[in-house]
């Protein structure tokens, strides 16, 4: 939600003045994964990673297949842009570029796609590539993607979703051939991240120092655990459970404040997901504010038992938030943001999960760093 103080942001963004810029994600949260695997890692206990690894490897496949389709669509959009003269071009070069632009033709499927696709929803918002209209159908298809087995099944599902938007799209936007990281390497990445979380908590328990990587200054492991532990844990969770994203937006609490609407009481800091760690390390809860406070931050949480309350709030106040955003020219951006939150919460309700907001969480098809 934009406020009068906002300036210098990307057109169509939805954010009030604050420290966070970048991608915020909306997660259907499985408390059992936090209470089991993640609490075990942070608590220094032996864990059984195999069920998590199997799930994460299966879920990565439709993410990767979807990214190849998105890349094909984005290439078509780039090619649809008429050529422009380079900066500093001569008068003759600018005239030539203008003449080429006037003769520039765009194929019919791409023209249709430019109208049919909302990049913030279809290309960079939902998990996987989904063209469904209703919130409930989106929740259904997300789970079908999540439970699919193999690249062929994922690609068949993507073609079906493309066809829902227009029958010509499956042939017009065949998936690219970008290579994915081999399963064995990805599995090793996941094991490395689990080990890093375990080792970080162990170092904090001993009072040791911790260096996050080459060229970084060593700090006390306790301070690193407070700053990075929650985010590292949510990143692991996101390998196995699909999530939604918003670019240059804020979390629901902040959007409510900007719209001068009282946030729902069900929004709380994510202390419940890290109850054991908060008890062992009293300062750990300080890294779990209600509003996202950094580019790698964890924000508001809604328990599974209160997701209905979140959905009721979105139903009763969504129109008012959109009207408030429209005063600053951001009504469409607010509409898409609230839709993504609703889709996420609907998926969570259907599967007995909670709702969580975080910043800077990469999708499984993106390279893990740090």
Protein backbone atom coordinates (compact mmCIF):
# COMPACT_ATOMS: atom_id res chain seq x y z
CA UNK A 1 0.00 0.00 0.00
CA UNK A 2 1.51 3.27 -1.02
CA UNK A 3 1.56 6.21 1.36
CA UNK A 4 2.16 9.89 0.48
CA UNK A 5 5.80 9.50 1.54
CA UNK A 6 6.55 6.89 -1.12
CA UNK A 7 8.85 7.96 -3.93
CA UNK A 8 11.28 6.52 -6.43
CA UNK A 9 9.75 3.04 -6.66
CA UNK A 10 8.95 0.84 -9.62
CA UNK A 11 5.62 1.66 -11.24
CA UNK A 12 2.92 -0.66 -9.97
CA UNK A 13 4.79 -1.56 -6.79
CA UNK A 14 2.96 -1.73 -3.49
CA UNK A 15 5.08 -0.68 -0.54
CA UNK A 16 5.22 1.99 2.13
CA UNK A 17 8.43 3.68 3.15
CA UNK A 18 10.53 1.24 5.14
CA UNK A 19 13.71 -0.87 5.20
CA UNK A 20 12.49 -3.76 3.06
CA UNK A 21 12.86 -3.79 -0.72
CA UNK A 22 12.82 -6.87 -2.90
CA UNK A 23 10.67 -10.00 -2.86
CA UNK A 24 8.26 -10.92 -0.09
CA UNK A 25 6.84 -14.42 -0.01
CA UNK A 26 3.64 -15.84 1.41
CA UNK A 27 3.92 -19.38 2.74
CA UNK A 28 1.41 -22.06 3.62
CA UNK A 29 3.29 -23.27 6.70
CA UNK A 30 3.53 -26.83 7.96
CA UNK A 31 4.09 -26.54 11.74
CA UNK A 32 5.04 -30.23 11.89
CA UNK A 33 8.09 -29.55 9.73
CA UNK A 34 9.20 -26.84 12.16
CA UNK A 35 8.43 -28.92 15.24
CA UNK A 36 10.26 -31.94 13.83
CA UNK A 37 13.13 -31.40 11.37
CA UNK A 38 13.86 -27.72 12.01
CA UNK A 39 13.51 -27.86 15.81
CA UNK A 40 15.75 -30.91 15.78
CA UNK A 41 18.46 -29.15 13.78
CA UNK A 42 18.34 -26.06 15.97
CA UNK A 43 18.20 -28.20 19.09
CA UNK A 44 21.32 -30.19 18.22
CA UNK A 45 19.55 -33.54 17.85
CA UNK A 46 19.89 -36.23 15.22
CA UNK A 47 17.21 -35.92 12.56
CA UNK A 48 15.96 -38.12 9.74
CA UNK A 49 16.25 -35.94 6.62
CA UNK A 50 15.12 -38.49 4.03
CA UNK A 51 11.35 -37.71 4.03
CA UNK A 52 12.13 -34.01 3.64
CA UNK A 53 14.65 -34.65 0.85
CA UNK A 54 12.20 -36.83 -1.08
CA UNK A 55 9.50 -34.17 -0.83
CA UNK A 56 11.86 -31.34 -1.76
CA UNK A 57 13.19 -33.16 -4.82
CA UNK A 58 9.69 -33.94 -6.03
CA UNK A 59 8.46 -30.36 -5.53
CA UNK A 60 11.46 -28.86 -7.34
CA UNK A 61 10.52 -30.58 -10.62
CA UNK A 62 7.33 -28.57 -11.37
CA UNK A 63 9.06 -25.38 -10.16
CA UNK A 64 11.85 -25.96 -12.70
CA UNK A 65 9.48 -26.92 -15.52
CA UNK A 66 7.38 -23.83 -14.82
CA UNK A 67 10.44 -21.60 -14.89
CA UNK A 68 11.31 -22.88 -18.38
CA UNK A 69 7.84 -21.96 -19.60
CA UNK A 70 8.00 -18.54 -17.96
CA UNK A 71 11.39 -17.95 -19.60
CA UNK A 72 9.88 -18.78 -23.02
CA UNK A 73 7.03 -16.31 -22.46
CA UNK A 74 9.38 -13.58 -21.28
CA UNK A 75 11.61 -14.07 -24.34
CA UNK A 76 8.56 -13.62 -26.56
CA UNK A 77 7.66 -10.44 -24.70
CA UNK A 78 11.18 -9.09 -25.13
CA UNK A 79 11.10 -9.83 -28.86
CA UNK A 80 7.76 -8.01 -29.09
CA UNK A 81 9.45 -4.79 -28.01
CA UNK A 82 10.35 -2.69 -31.09
CA UNK A 83 14.08 -1.93 -31.38
CA UNK A 84 15.27 1.38 -29.99
CA UNK A 85 18.27 3.49 -30.85
CA UNK A 86 21.16 3.21 -28.43
CA UNK A 87 21.76 6.01 -25.98
CA UNK A 88 23.84 8.72 -27.65
CA UNK A 89 22.90 7.54 -31.15
CA UNK A 90 23.20 10.00 -34.03
CA UNK A 91 20.16 11.58 -35.66
CA UNK A 92 20.43 9.19 -38.62
CA UNK A 93 20.62 6.17 -36.33
CA UNK A 94 17.55 7.37 -34.42
CA UNK A 95 15.63 7.83 -37.68
CA UNK A 96 16.57 4.33 -38.81
CA UNK A 97 15.50 2.87 -35.44
CA UNK A 98 12.15 4.67 -35.70
CA UNK A 99 11.59 3.31 -39.20
CA UNK A 100 12.32 -0.25 -38.04
CA UNK A 101 10.01 0.19 -35.06
CA UNK A 102 7.14 1.29 -37.32
CA UNK A 103 7.57 -1.90 -39.35
CA UNK A 104 7.94 -4.11 -36.26
CA UNK A 105 5.40 -6.94 -36.22
CA UNK A 106 4.28 -9.09 -33.29
CA UNK A 107 2.76 -12.52 -33.83
CA UNK A 108 -0.88 -13.09 -32.84
CA UNK A 109 -0.15 -15.44 -29.91
CA UNK A 110 2.22 -12.94 -28.31
CA UNK A 111 -0.32 -10.14 -28.74
CA UNK A 112 -2.90 -12.31 -26.98
CA UNK A 113 -0.40 -13.22 -24.26
CA UNK A 114 0.42 -9.58 -23.56
CA UNK A 115 -3.25 -9.13 -22.67
CA UNK A 116 -3.82 -12.48 -20.97
CA UNK A 117 -0.82 -12.68 -18.64
CA UNK A 118 -0.41 -10.62 -15.52
CA UNK A 119 3.36 -10.95 -14.89
CA UNK A 120 2.95 -10.38 -11.15
CA UNK A 121 0.47 -13.25 -10.94
CA UNK A 122 1.17 -15.75 -13.69
CA UNK A 123 4.93 -15.30 -14.12
CA UNK A 124 6.27 -14.08 -10.79
CA UNK A 125 3.53 -14.63 -8.23
CA UNK A 126 2.08 -18.09 -7.96
CA UNK A 127 4.03 -21.25 -7.33
CA UNK A 128 4.32 -23.13 -10.62
CA UNK A 129 2.63 -21.92 -13.81
CA UNK A 130 -1.11 -21.65 -13.17
CA UNK A 131 -3.74 -20.01 -15.35
CA UNK A 132 -6.82 -20.76 -13.24
CA UNK A 133 -9.27 -18.00 -12.35
CA UNK A 134 -10.90 -19.04 -9.08
CA UNK A 135 -9.04 -19.07 -5.79
CA UNK A 136 -10.23 -22.59 -5.03
CA UNK A 137 -9.11 -23.93 -8.40
CA UNK A 138 -5.69 -22.38 -7.91
CA UNK A 139 -5.39 -24.18 -4.56
CA UNK A 140 -6.38 -27.45 -6.21
CA UNK A 141 -3.88 -27.11 -9.06
CA UNK A 142 -1.03 -26.07 -6.74
CA UNK A 143 -1.50 -29.35 -4.88
CA UNK A 144 -1.70 -31.33 -8.12
CA UNK A 145 1.62 -29.82 -9.20
CA UNK A 146 3.10 -30.50 -5.78
CA UNK A 147 2.13 -34.17 -5.93
CA UNK A 148 3.10 -34.71 -9.58
CA UNK A 149 5.94 -37.09 -10.36
CA UNK A 150 8.52 -36.30 -13.02
CA UNK A 151 9.15 -33.66 -15.64
CA UNK A 152 6.72 -35.13 -18.20
CA UNK A 153 3.80 -34.93 -15.75
CA UNK A 154 4.73 -31.35 -14.79
CA UNK A 155 5.03 -30.24 -18.41
CA UNK A 156 1.68 -31.82 -19.30
CA UNK A 157 0.06 -29.90 -16.45
CA UNK A 158 1.67 -26.66 -17.61
CA UNK A 159 0.37 -27.16 -21.17
CA UNK A 160 -3.11 -27.64 -19.72
CA UNK A 161 -2.81 -24.40 -17.78
CA UNK A 162 -1.57 -22.51 -20.84
CA UNK A 163 -4.54 -23.78 -22.83
CA UNK A 164 -6.93 -22.46 -20.18
CA UNK A 165 -5.73 -18.96 -21.00
CA UNK A 166 -5.80 -19.49 -24.79
CA UNK A 167 -5.79 -22.65 -26.96
CA UNK A 168 -2.93 -21.26 -29.04
CA UNK A 169 -0.55 -20.79 -26.10
CA UNK A 170 0.78 -24.38 -25.69
CA UNK A 171 2.17 -24.38 -29.24
CA UNK A 172 3.28 -20.74 -29.10
CA UNK A 173 5.29 -21.03 -25.87
CA UNK A 174 7.08 -24.39 -25.76
CA UNK A 175 9.29 -24.70 -22.68
CA UNK A 176 12.91 -23.71 -23.05
CA UNK A 177 15.79 -26.11 -22.59
CA UNK A 178 17.51 -24.43 -19.63
CA UNK A 179 19.48 -26.97 -17.63
CA UNK A 180 18.48 -27.72 -14.07
CA UNK A 181 20.90 -28.62 -11.31
CA UNK A 182 21.21 -32.42 -11.11
CA UNK A 183 19.20 -34.04 -8.33
CA UNK A 184 22.34 -35.29 -6.62
CA UNK A 185 23.78 -31.77 -6.48
CA UNK A 186 20.51 -30.30 -5.27
CA UNK A 187 20.26 -32.95 -2.59
CA UNK A 188 23.78 -32.07 -1.49
CA UNK A 189 22.78 -28.39 -1.31
CA UNK A 190 19.87 -29.25 0.94
CA UNK A 191 22.03 -31.37 3.22
CA UNK A 192 24.56 -28.53 3.36
CA UNK A 193 21.86 -26.07 4.41
CA UNK A 194 20.58 -28.43 7.10
CA UNK A 195 24.10 -28.94 8.39
CA UNK A 196 24.75 -25.19 8.43
CA UNK A 197 21.65 -24.58 10.57
CA UNK A 198 22.70 -27.37 12.93
CA UNK A 199 26.28 -26.09 13.16
CA UNK A 200 25.20 -22.47 13.67
CA UNK A 201 23.01 -23.38 16.64
CA UNK A 202 25.77 -25.61 18.05
CA UNK A 203 28.31 -22.78 17.78
CA UNK A 204 25.87 -20.41 19.50
CA UNK A 205 25.39 -22.95 22.28
CA UNK A 206 29.16 -23.06 22.82
CA UNK A 207 29.64 -19.30 22.62
CA UNK A 208 31.81 -19.58 19.50
CA UNK A 209 32.17 -17.13 16.62
CA UNK A 210 30.74 -17.67 13.13
CA UNK A 211 31.80 -16.46 9.67
CA UNK A 212 29.05 -16.70 7.08
CA UNK A 213 31.37 -17.10 4.09
CA UNK A 214 34.57 -15.99 2.45
CA UNK A 215 35.28 -12.32 3.04
CA UNK A 216 32.70 -11.93 5.81
CA UNK A 217 33.66 -10.76 9.27
CA UNK A 218 33.34 -13.34 12.02
CA UNK A 219 30.69 -12.52 14.62
CA UNK A 220 29.42 -14.25 17.68
CA UNK A 221 27.41 -17.28 16.60
CA UNK A 222 24.60 -16.23 18.93
CA UNK A 223 24.13 -12.93 17.10
CA UNK A 224 24.22 -14.67 13.71
CA UNK A 225 21.65 -17.19 14.94
CA UNK A 226 19.34 -14.37 16.05
CA UNK A 227 19.75 -12.53 12.74
CA UNK A 228 19.74 -15.42 10.28
CA UNK A 229 18.33 -18.49 12.01
CA UNK A 230 14.63 -17.83 11.30
CA UNK A 231 15.28 -17.02 7.64
CA UNK A 232 17.47 -20.08 7.11
CA UNK A 233 14.74 -22.25 8.64
CA UNK A 234 12.00 -20.79 6.44
CA UNK A 235 14.21 -21.22 3.38
CA UNK A 236 14.49 -24.94 4.18
CA UNK A 237 10.73 -25.21 4.65
CA UNK A 238 10.22 -23.49 1.27
CA UNK A 239 12.13 -26.26 -0.50
CA UNK A 240 9.29 -28.69 0.26
CA UNK A 241 6.11 -26.55 0.47
CA UNK A 242 5.01 -24.29 -2.45
CA UNK A 243 4.68 -20.57 -1.77
CA UNK A 244 3.57 -17.31 -3.40
CA UNK A 245 5.69 -14.20 -4.07
CA UNK A 246 5.26 -10.45 -4.46
CA UNK A 247 7.89 -8.10 -5.89
CA UNK A 248 8.46 -4.76 -4.14
CA UNK A 249 5.53 -5.16 -1.78
CA UNK A 250 5.05 -5.25 1.98
CA UNK A 251 3.41 -7.73 4.30
CA UNK A 252 -0.25 -7.60 5.27
CA UNK A 253 0.34 -5.79 8.58
CA UNK A 254 2.11 -2.92 6.81
CA UNK A 255 -0.47 -2.74 4.03
CA UNK A 256 -3.24 -2.52 6.64
CA UNK A 257 -1.50 0.35 8.43
CA UNK A 258 -1.04 2.22 5.16
CA UNK A 259 -4.76 1.79 4.45
CA UNK A 260 -5.63 2.88 8.01
CA UNK A 261 -7.32 -0.47 8.65
CA UNK A 262 -6.83 -2.41 11.88
CA UNK A 263 -4.84 -5.58 11.07
CA UNK A 264 -6.48 -8.88 11.99
CA UNK A 265 -5.74 -10.14 15.49
CA UNK A 266 -4.67 -13.51 14.06
CA UNK A 267 -1.45 -11.96 12.67
CA UNK A 268 1.31 -12.64 15.21
CA UNK A 269 5.11 -12.96 15.27
CA UNK A 270 6.22 -16.49 14.37
CA UNK A 271 7.26 -17.40 17.93
CA UNK A 272 5.07 -20.52 17.91
CA UNK A 273 7.08 -22.04 15.04
CA UNK A 274 10.32 -21.67 17.04
CA UNK A 275 9.03 -22.23 20.57
CA UNK A 276 11.86 -24.55 21.64
CA UNK A 277 14.60 -22.32 20.20
CA UNK A 278 13.08 -19.19 21.75
CA UNK A 279 13.15 -20.93 25.12
CA UNK A 280 16.78 -22.03 24.79
CA UNK A 281 17.98 -18.71 23.32
CA UNK A 282 15.91 -15.90 24.91
CA UNK A 283 17.04 -13.37 22.30
CA UNK A 284 15.91 -15.52 19.36
CA UNK A 285 12.40 -14.09 19.46
CA UNK A 286 13.83 -10.63 18.68
CA UNK A 287 14.50 -11.88 15.14
CA UNK A 288 10.80 -12.63 14.76
CA UNK A 289 8.98 -9.29 14.54
CA UNK A 290 5.43 -8.91 13.32
CA UNK A 291 6.54 -6.85 10.34
CA UNK A 292 9.42 -7.88 8.09
CA UNK A 293 12.39 -5.75 9.08
CA UNK A 294 15.15 -6.81 6.66
CA UNK A 295 15.76 -8.21 3.19
CA UNK A 296 16.14 -11.63 4.80
CA UNK A 297 13.48 -11.32 7.44
CA UNK A 298 10.57 -13.37 8.75
CA UNK A 299 7.31 -11.63 9.54
CA UNK A 300 3.69 -12.29 10.41
CA UNK A 301 2.40 -15.77 11.18
CA UNK A 302 -1.14 -17.13 11.38
CA UNK A 303 -1.70 -20.45 13.14
CA UNK A 304 -3.62 -23.16 11.23
CA UNK A 305 -6.56 -22.78 13.61
CA UNK A 306 -6.86 -19.08 12.70
CA UNK A 307 -6.51 -19.17 8.91
CA UNK A 308 -10.30 -18.94 8.59
CA UNK A 309 -10.12 -15.66 10.50
CA UNK A 310 -7.50 -14.38 8.03
CA UNK A 311 -9.69 -15.28 5.06
CA UNK A 312 -12.73 -13.63 6.65
CA UNK A 313 -10.66 -10.48 7.20
CA UNK A 314 -9.57 -10.40 3.55
CA UNK A 315 -13.18 -10.80 2.45
CA UNK A 316 -14.50 -8.03 4.70
CA UNK A 317 -11.71 -5.46 4.21
CA UNK A 318 -10.16 -6.23 0.83
CA UNK A 319 -12.29 -3.73 -1.08
CA UNK A 320 -11.45 -0.96 1.40
CA UNK A 321 -7.70 -1.66 1.07
CA UNK A 322 -7.94 -1.56 -2.71
CA UNK A 323 -9.83 1.75 -2.58
CA UNK A 324 -7.14 3.21 -0.32
CA UNK A 325 -4.40 1.97 -2.68
CA UNK A 326 -6.23 3.45 -5.65
CA UNK A 327 -5.79 6.94 -4.22
CA UNK A 328 -2.07 6.54 -4.95
CA UNK A 329 -2.51 4.81 -8.29
CA UNK A 330 -1.85 1.34 -6.89
CA UNK A 331 -5.28 -0.24 -6.90
CA UNK A 332 -4.34 -2.96 -9.44
CA UNK A 333 -1.15 -3.81 -7.53
CA UNK A 334 -3.10 -4.09 -4.28
CA UNK A 335 -5.72 -6.28 -5.96
CA UNK A 336 -3.06 -8.74 -7.16
CA UNK A 337 -1.27 -8.75 -3.80
CA UNK A 338 -4.45 -9.51 -1.85
CA UNK A 339 -5.37 -12.19 -4.36
CA UNK A 340 -2.04 -13.94 -3.79
CA UNK A 341 -2.47 -13.77 -0.02
CA UNK A 342 -5.99 -15.18 -0.37
CA UNK A 343 -4.80 -18.01 -2.63
CA UNK A 344 -2.04 -18.87 -0.18
CA UNK A 345 -4.40 -18.82 2.80
CA UNK A 346 -6.98 -20.90 0.92
CA UNK A 347 -4.35 -23.53 0.16
CA UNK A 348 -3.30 -23.45 3.81
CA UNK A 349 -6.88 -23.93 5.05
CA UNK A 350 -7.46 -26.83 2.68
CA UNK A 351 -4.39 -28.69 3.97
CA UNK A 352 -4.46 -27.74 7.66
CA UNK A 353 -1.46 -25.42 7.39
CA UNK A 354 -0.64 -21.96 8.76
CA UNK A 355 0.34 -18.76 6.96
CA UNK A 356 3.72 -17.02 7.12
CA UNK A 357 5.40 -14.02 5.47
CA UNK A 358 9.13 -13.76 4.76
CA UNK A 359 11.53 -11.76 2.57
CA UNK A 360 14.17 -12.88 0.10
CA UNK A 361 13.29 -16.59 0.00
CA UNK A 362 14.48 -18.11 -3.31
CA UNK A 363 12.30 -20.57 -5.20
CA UNK A 364 13.60 -24.14 -5.54
CA UNK A 365 14.59 -23.51 -9.17
CA UNK A 366 16.90 -20.67 -8.10
CA UNK A 367 20.47 -21.18 -6.95
CA UNK A 368 20.95 -21.32 -3.20
CA UNK A 369 23.48 -18.89 -1.82
CA UNK A 370 24.86 -18.34 1.67
